[in-house]
Amino acid sequence: MAYTKLTKKQKVLNLLSKGRPVTWTSLRKRFDLTSPRAMIDQLRTEGHMVYINTTPTGTSYRLGQPTKAIIAAGVKALYGKQKFAYSNQ
């Protein structure tokens, strides 16, 4: 059986999915990333909800669920201010 090597992106996603915050520094050192922010932005464009927490000690990232406000903003961006009407016909 052949073993498929995981990409850096998949390794970062696996680490974030454990539920604990991951610091910017640990992403940079552990996965040899030039820009952890670029990796996070790429995960976001693929549809993952990655939150940034900024503290005096540094920046950390965590994976979460989108809020109703974020979903509503996405729907508004897609469809604008049109009224929705449903018909049973």
Protein backbone atom coordinates (compact mmCIF):
# COMPACT_ATOMS: atom_id res chain seq x y z
CA MET A 1 0.00 0.00 0.00
CA ALA A 2 1.35 3.42 -0.93
CA TYR A 3 1.36 6.23 1.59
CA THR A 4 0.30 9.62 0.24
CA LYS A 5 2.18 12.54 1.70
CA LEU A 6 0.01 15.32 3.13
CA THR A 7 0.44 18.84 1.81
CA LYS A 8 1.31 21.73 4.12
CA LYS A 9 -2.20 23.06 3.63
CA GLN A 10 -3.74 19.77 4.77
CA LYS A 11 -1.39 19.59 7.76
CA VAL A 12 -2.34 23.13 8.84
CA LEU A 13 -6.04 22.32 8.41
CA ASN A 14 -5.65 19.13 10.48
CA LEU A 15 -3.94 21.12 13.25
CA LEU A 16 -6.64 23.81 13.24
CA SER A 17 -9.42 21.22 13.28
CA LYS A 18 -8.23 19.94 16.68
CA GLY A 19 -10.03 22.92 18.19
CA ARG A 20 -7.18 24.68 19.96
CA PRO A 21 -5.79 28.07 18.90
CA VAL A 22 -2.59 27.89 16.84
CA THR A 23 -0.13 30.77 17.00
CA TRP A 24 1.36 32.52 14.00
CA THR A 25 4.86 31.66 15.21
CA SER A 26 4.13 27.96 15.58
CA LEU A 27 2.71 27.80 12.04
CA ARG A 28 5.80 29.54 10.70
CA LYS A 29 8.27 27.30 12.51
CA ARG A 30 6.45 23.95 12.44
CA PHE A 31 5.47 23.99 8.76
CA ASP A 32 8.26 26.24 7.43
CA LEU A 33 5.78 28.79 6.08
CA THR A 34 7.07 32.11 4.80
CA SER A 35 3.69 33.72 5.45
CA PRO A 36 1.21 31.88 7.68
CA ARG A 37 -1.33 34.60 6.87
CA ALA A 38 -1.24 33.66 3.19
CA MET A 39 -1.98 30.03 4.09
CA ILE A 40 -4.90 31.12 6.29
CA ASP A 41 -6.25 33.32 3.49
CA GLN A 42 -6.04 30.39 1.08
CA LEU A 43 -7.99 28.18 3.50
CA ARG A 44 -10.62 30.92 3.79
CA THR A 45 -11.05 31.16 0.02
CA GLU A 46 -11.71 27.41 0.02
CA GLY A 47 -14.59 27.97 2.44
CA HIS A 48 -13.07 27.25 5.86
CA MET A 49 -14.03 29.64 8.65
CA VAL A 50 -10.72 30.61 10.25
CA TYR A 51 -10.85 33.25 12.99
CA ILE A 52 -7.93 35.48 14.00
CA ASN A 53 -7.37 36.34 17.65
CA THR A 54 -4.93 39.16 18.27
CA THR A 55 -3.49 39.52 21.77
CA PRO A 56 -0.55 41.46 23.21
CA THR A 57 1.50 38.24 23.07
CA GLY A 58 0.82 37.64 19.35
CA THR A 59 -1.66 36.37 16.80
CA SER A 60 -3.41 33.02 16.91
CA TYR A 61 -5.84 31.28 14.57
CA ARG A 62 -8.71 28.90 15.21
CA LEU A 63 -11.26 27.07 13.11
CA GLY A 64 -14.91 27.81 13.87
CA GLN A 65 -18.47 27.98 12.62
CA PRO A 66 -19.72 31.07 10.77
CA THR A 67 -22.16 33.29 12.63
CA LYS A 68 -25.61 34.22 11.31
CA ALA A 69 -24.30 37.71 10.55
CA ILE A 70 -21.55 36.35 8.30
CA ILE A 71 -23.96 34.11 6.42
CA ALA A 72 -26.43 36.98 6.04
CA ALA A 73 -23.68 39.23 4.68
CA GLY A 74 -22.74 36.56 2.13
CA VAL A 75 -26.33 36.14 0.98
CA LYS A 76 -26.71 39.92 0.71
CA ALA A 77 -23.50 40.14 -1.33
CA LEU A 78 -24.74 37.45 -3.71
CA TYR A 79 -28.35 38.50 -4.13
CA GLY A 80 -28.45 42.15 -3.12
CA LYS A 81 -31.53 43.68 -1.49
CA GLN A 82 -34.17 41.73 -3.34
CA LYS A 83 -37.20 40.36 -1.57
CA PHE A 84 -37.62 36.63 -1.51
CA ALA A 85 -40.96 35.16 -2.51
CA TYR A 86 -41.85 31.50 -2.45
CA SER A 87 -44.67 29.85 -4.26
CA ASN A 88 -46.15 26.37 -3.85
CA GLN A 89 -47.26 26.24 -7.48
